[in-house]
Amino acid sequence: MNDETTLSEAESDIDMAADEQEPEQDEEDGTDAETPEEGDAAEPEAENVVKFPVNATEHAQLMRMTEALFFAAAEPLDIDSIAARLPDGADVGAVIEDLQKAYESRGVNLVRIANKWMFRTADDLSFLMEREAVEQRRLSRAAMETLAIIAYHQPATRAEIEEIRGVSVSKGTLDVLMETGWVRLRGRKRTPGRPVTYGTTEDFLVHFGLESVGDLPGMDELKAAGLLDGRLPPGFDIPNPSDTGGEGDGEFETEEEYGAALDDHLEQETSEDD
């Protein structure tokens, strides 16, 4: 009786121990099952997620700022000029390198010239920029002589020009000089007949790099430059040109007066053509 009771109690103890162990095993199984799932999920995340640098947004903004500088600049920019306008500590070299890559396949490229940077049309699209230009013809010798006489003797009448040259002014010579913008109708001489006078323009001064007509070279300078013959006639002299004109010369005071003088000039040229 005692043995049977003891056996039953032992079996009961074994069953209770098994019941107590089963939940713990379940918990352990559950824990073991969850751990691989978390590991499996973490592994692909580490491989696929690209970690951008903390200053990625700042770098993009620096690229925009540098791009704006290049488009607004009237001349190529060097590294120092760019760095002076960007925030302190900006990696200008990296910014330019990334901009160059971004534009290498576009219509304009970022190129370096003389150690400076600028946008330039892509080489394969240069044909789009080609255009036909009218070749400027050179002034004839008669036109150059007439221009020189007007420049040094202004305000000069047509008769005075012909007297100095020793020949008549050929038809159209004065018109050519006026079309180039180097000669203009200056006024009327206060002499009988009130002939029209001619003078140089501001475009003439700009083209020849003069501050005023008084800066035209004198006789000594012309000789030194080899522009005058060494055997000049006795009494040969070069006058000092004046912006104000001499005594008895008058400027046009109104546009109507200038228009009437221009009409007279054109009529004279037309009569010569006939």
Protein backbone atom coordinates (compact mmCIF):
# COMPACT_ATOMS: atom_id res chain seq x y z
CA MET A 1 0.00 0.00 0.00
CA ASN A 2 2.76 2.31 0.82
CA ASP A 3 4.64 1.42 -2.35
CA GLU A 4 1.63 2.08 -4.53
CA THR A 5 1.00 5.38 -2.84
CA THR A 6 4.58 6.36 -3.27
CA LEU A 7 4.51 5.44 -7.01
CA SER A 8 1.34 7.45 -7.60
CA GLU A 9 2.81 10.46 -5.86
CA ALA A 10 5.99 10.18 -7.96
CA GLU A 11 3.98 9.98 -11.20
CA SER A 12 1.92 12.94 -10.07
CA ASP A 13 5.07 14.90 -9.33
CA ILE A 14 6.46 14.08 -12.80
CA ASP A 15 3.26 15.22 -14.51
CA MET A 16 3.26 18.50 -12.60
CA ALA A 17 6.87 19.13 -13.47
CA ALA A 18 6.10 18.53 -17.15
CA ASP A 19 3.16 20.92 -17.01
CA GLU A 20 5.36 23.57 -15.45
CA GLN A 21 8.10 23.10 -18.08
CA GLU A 22 5.80 23.27 -21.14
CA PRO A 23 4.92 27.01 -20.79
CA GLU A 24 8.57 27.83 -20.18
CA GLN A 25 9.50 25.92 -23.33
CA ASP A 26 6.80 27.77 -25.24
CA GLU A 27 8.14 31.05 -24.00
CA GLU A 28 11.64 30.02 -24.91
CA ASP A 29 10.41 28.83 -28.33
CA GLY A 30 8.60 32.11 -28.80
CA THR A 31 11.69 34.02 -27.87
CA ASP A 32 13.84 31.95 -30.17
CA ALA A 33 11.33 32.43 -33.01
CA GLU A 34 11.21 36.20 -32.62
CA THR A 35 14.97 36.67 -32.50
CA PRO A 36 15.70 35.32 -36.01
CA GLU A 37 12.83 37.43 -37.41
CA GLU A 38 14.35 40.56 -35.99
CA GLY A 39 17.76 39.57 -37.29
CA ASP A 40 16.39 38.80 -40.74
CA ALA A 41 14.67 42.20 -40.90
CA ALA A 42 17.75 44.12 -39.76
CA GLU A 43 20.09 42.47 -42.24
CA PRO A 44 18.50 43.78 -45.48
CA GLU A 45 17.98 47.21 -43.94
CA ALA A 46 21.72 47.60 -43.39
CA GLU A 47 22.48 46.58 -46.99
CA ASN A 48 19.86 48.65 -48.91
CA VAL A 49 19.54 51.92 -47.00
CA VAL A 50 21.93 54.63 -48.33
CA LYS A 51 23.13 56.91 -45.58
CA PHE A 52 23.42 60.47 -46.94
CA PRO A 53 25.95 62.81 -45.34
CA VAL A 54 24.60 65.20 -42.79
CA ASN A 55 25.49 68.20 -45.03
CA ALA A 56 23.93 66.82 -48.24
CA THR A 57 21.30 69.57 -48.31
CA GLU A 58 23.96 72.21 -47.69
CA HIS A 59 26.08 70.87 -50.56
CA ALA A 60 23.11 71.05 -52.94
CA GLN A 61 22.52 74.64 -51.90
CA LEU A 62 26.18 75.49 -52.50
CA MET A 63 25.86 74.03 -56.00
CA ARG A 64 22.83 76.25 -56.69
CA MET A 65 24.66 79.32 -55.43
CA THR A 66 27.75 78.59 -57.51
CA GLU A 67 25.61 77.91 -60.57
CA ALA A 68 23.96 81.30 -60.15
CA LEU A 69 27.37 82.98 -59.90
CA PHE A 70 28.53 81.44 -63.17
CA PHE A 71 25.40 82.50 -65.05
CA ALA A 72 25.51 86.06 -63.69
CA ALA A 73 29.25 86.62 -64.15
CA ALA A 74 30.38 88.72 -67.11
CA GLU A 75 33.76 86.98 -67.17
CA PRO A 76 35.29 83.64 -66.09
CA LEU A 77 35.61 83.15 -62.32
CA ASP A 78 38.57 81.76 -60.42
CA ILE A 79 38.38 79.68 -57.25
CA ASP A 80 39.08 82.62 -54.96
CA SER A 81 36.32 84.74 -56.50
CA ILE A 82 33.79 81.94 -55.99
CA ALA A 83 34.95 81.16 -52.44
CA ALA A 84 34.63 84.84 -51.50
CA ARG A 85 30.87 84.72 -52.18
CA LEU A 86 30.13 81.31 -50.66
CA PRO A 87 29.80 80.58 -46.93
CA ASP A 88 33.04 80.08 -45.02
CA GLY A 89 34.39 76.55 -45.16
CA ALA A 90 32.65 75.64 -48.42
CA ASP A 91 34.48 72.99 -50.45
CA VAL A 92 34.59 74.98 -53.70
CA GLY A 93 36.56 72.28 -55.54
CA ALA A 94 33.95 69.61 -54.80
CA VAL A 95 31.12 71.95 -55.76
CA ILE A 96 32.72 72.80 -59.13
CA GLU A 97 33.49 69.15 -59.82
CA ASP A 98 29.88 68.14 -59.20
CA LEU A 99 28.59 71.02 -61.34
CA GLN A 100 30.92 70.02 -64.15
CA LYS A 101 29.56 66.46 -64.05
CA ALA A 102 25.97 67.71 -63.95
CA TYR A 103 26.49 69.84 -67.08
CA GLU A 104 28.76 67.55 -69.10
CA SER A 105 25.85 66.17 -71.18
CA ARG A 106 23.85 69.41 -71.47
CA GLY A 107 23.78 72.23 -74.01
CA VAL A 108 26.29 74.25 -72.02
CA ASN A 109 29.34 72.85 -70.28
CA LEU A 110 31.33 74.11 -67.33
CA VAL A 111 34.89 74.46 -68.62
CA ARG A 112 38.18 75.77 -67.25
CA ILE A 113 40.04 78.43 -69.24
CA ALA A 114 43.25 80.06 -68.01
CA ASN A 115 42.66 78.51 -64.58
CA LYS A 116 39.22 80.11 -64.43
CA TRP A 117 35.77 78.59 -64.84
CA MET A 118 32.89 79.55 -67.11
CA PHE A 119 29.87 78.13 -68.92
CA ARG A 120 30.39 77.62 -72.65
CA THR A 121 28.26 76.17 -75.43
CA ALA A 122 28.91 72.47 -75.93
CA ASP A 123 31.39 71.85 -78.73
CA ASP A 124 28.97 69.70 -80.75
CA LEU A 125 26.41 72.55 -80.75
CA SER A 126 28.74 75.32 -81.88
CA PHE A 127 27.13 75.28 -85.35
CA LEU A 128 24.02 76.83 -83.79
CA MET A 129 25.97 79.98 -82.97
CA GLU A 130 27.30 80.54 -86.49
CA ARG A 131 25.99 83.53 -88.38
CA GLU A 132 26.89 85.42 -91.50
CA ALA A 133 28.48 88.81 -90.98
CA VAL A 134 29.01 91.59 -93.48
CA GLU A 135 32.70 92.21 -93.96
CA GLN A 136 33.62 95.80 -93.37
CA ARG A 137 35.29 97.30 -96.40
CA ARG A 138 38.30 99.53 -95.96
CA LEU A 139 38.04 103.23 -96.67
CA SER A 140 39.55 104.39 -99.93
CA ARG A 141 42.61 106.59 -99.94
CA ALA A 142 40.46 109.57 -100.96
CA ALA A 143 38.13 108.92 -98.01
CA MET A 144 41.06 108.66 -95.58
CA GLU A 145 42.58 111.90 -96.86
CA THR A 146 39.23 113.66 -96.63
CA LEU A 147 38.75 112.34 -93.07
CA ALA A 148 42.22 113.57 -92.06
CA ILE A 149 41.54 117.03 -93.50
CA ILE A 150 38.21 117.28 -91.68
CA ALA A 151 39.78 116.06 -88.41
CA TYR A 152 42.61 118.61 -88.47
CA HIS A 153 40.82 121.54 -90.13
CA GLN A 154 37.31 121.23 -88.71
CA PRO A 155 34.96 122.81 -89.12
CA ALA A 156 35.80 122.63 -92.81
CA THR A 157 33.65 123.38 -95.84
CA ARG A 158 33.64 121.25 -98.97
CA ALA A 159 35.52 123.96 -100.85
CA GLU A 160 38.22 124.07 -98.16
CA ILE A 161 38.63 120.29 -98.32
CA GLU A 162 39.06 120.40 -102.10
CA GLU A 163 41.53 123.29 -101.82
CA ILE A 164 43.71 121.41 -99.36
CA ARG A 165 43.62 118.15 -101.30
CA GLY A 166 44.18 119.89 -104.62
CA VAL A 167 41.43 117.85 -106.27
CA SER A 168 37.68 117.82 -106.08
CA VAL A 169 36.00 115.57 -103.57
CA SER A 170 34.67 112.59 -105.50
CA LYS A 171 30.99 111.86 -105.35
CA GLY A 172 29.91 109.81 -102.35
CA THR A 173 33.17 110.25 -100.39
CA LEU A 174 31.60 112.47 -97.75
CA ASP A 175 28.51 110.27 -97.69
CA VAL A 176 30.65 107.20 -96.93
CA LEU A 177 32.30 109.00 -94.02
CA MET A 178 28.92 110.10 -92.71
CA GLU A 179 27.53 106.57 -93.00
CA THR A 180 30.39 105.22 -90.90
CA GLY A 181 29.41 107.72 -88.22
CA TRP A 182 32.81 109.45 -88.16
CA VAL A 183 31.79 112.71 -89.90
CA ARG A 184 28.76 114.90 -89.36
CA LEU A 185 27.35 118.17 -90.57
CA ARG A 186 28.64 120.56 -88.00
CA GLY A 187 27.13 123.92 -88.86
CA ARG A 188 27.23 126.78 -91.34
CA LYS A 189 30.13 129.13 -91.89
CA ARG A 190 29.25 132.75 -91.31
CA THR A 191 30.50 133.81 -94.71
CA PRO A 192 28.67 134.73 -97.92
CA GLY A 193 26.58 131.79 -99.06
CA ARG A 194 26.62 130.23 -95.55
CA PRO A 195 28.29 126.97 -96.74
CA VAL A 196 27.87 123.82 -94.65
CA THR A 197 30.83 122.75 -92.53
CA TYR A 198 31.90 119.23 -91.62
CA GLY A 199 33.41 117.89 -88.39
CA THR A 200 34.18 114.62 -86.62
CA THR A 201 31.87 112.79 -84.23
CA GLU A 202 32.12 111.10 -80.87
CA ASP A 203 32.29 107.71 -82.63
CA PHE A 204 35.43 108.95 -84.40
CA LEU A 205 37.06 109.70 -81.04
CA VAL A 206 36.01 106.32 -79.63
CA HIS A 207 37.32 104.40 -82.65
CA PHE A 208 40.72 106.09 -82.58
CA GLY A 209 40.97 106.19 -78.78
CA LEU A 210 41.06 109.97 -78.42
CA GLU A 211 39.86 112.06 -75.50
CA SER A 212 39.26 115.03 -77.83
CA VAL A 213 40.31 116.13 -81.31
CA GLY A 214 43.04 118.15 -79.61
CA ASP A 215 44.76 114.81 -78.84
CA LEU A 216 45.43 114.12 -82.52
CA PRO A 217 49.18 113.69 -83.16
CA GLY A 218 51.13 116.77 -84.21
CA MET A 219 53.77 117.12 -86.92
CA ASP A 220 56.64 115.79 -84.80
CA GLU A 221 54.66 112.72 -83.78
CA LEU A 222 53.59 112.02 -87.35
CA LYS A 223 57.18 112.30 -88.55
CA ALA A 224 58.38 109.96 -85.80
CA ALA A 225 55.73 107.43 -86.83
CA GLY A 226 56.85 107.64 -90.46
CA LEU A 227 53.53 108.99 -91.64
CA LEU A 228 54.97 112.18 -93.16
CA ASP A 229 57.49 112.47 -95.96
CA GLY A 230 60.81 113.88 -94.82
CA ARG A 231 60.83 116.28 -97.76
CA LEU A 232 57.90 118.47 -96.86
CA PRO A 233 57.21 121.65 -98.87
CA PRO A 234 58.34 124.95 -97.31
CA GLY A 235 55.82 126.43 -94.95
CA PHE A 236 54.00 123.11 -94.46
CA ASP A 237 52.19 123.09 -91.17
CA ILE A 238 49.55 121.06 -89.37
CA PRO A 239 46.89 123.08 -87.55
CA ASN A 240 45.69 122.32 -84.06
CA PRO A 241 42.14 120.95 -84.39
CA SER A 242 39.49 122.53 -82.20
CA ASP A 243 36.21 121.28 -80.81
CA THR A 244 34.79 124.78 -80.72
CA GLY A 245 35.66 125.92 -84.23
CA GLY A 246 37.14 129.18 -85.38
CA GLU A 247 35.78 132.69 -85.55
CA GLY A 248 32.84 133.00 -87.89
CA ASP A 249 31.77 129.33 -87.52
CA GLY A 250 28.34 128.44 -86.23
CA GLU A 251 26.68 125.27 -84.93
CA PHE A 252 23.19 124.14 -85.85
CA GLU A 253 20.83 125.34 -83.15
CA THR A 254 17.73 123.31 -84.08
CA GLU A 255 16.95 119.98 -85.69
CA GLU A 256 15.08 121.78 -88.46
CA GLU A 257 18.20 123.76 -89.32
CA TYR A 258 20.25 120.57 -89.40
CA GLY A 259 17.65 118.84 -91.58
CA ALA A 260 17.68 121.70 -94.09
CA ALA A 261 21.49 121.56 -94.28
CA LEU A 262 21.36 117.80 -94.81
CA ASP A 263 18.92 118.27 -97.64
CA ASP A 264 21.29 120.78 -99.25
CA HIS A 265 24.15 118.29 -98.90
CA LEU A 266 22.14 115.49 -100.53
CA GLU A 267 21.00 117.76 -103.34
CA GLN A 268 24.61 118.71 -104.05
CA GLU A 269 25.62 115.05 -104.19
CA THR A 270 22.68 114.25 -106.47
CA SER A 271 23.53 117.08 -108.85
CA GLU A 272 27.08 115.76 -109.11
CA ASP A 273 25.81 112.27 -109.97
CA ASP A 274 23.70 113.73 -112.76
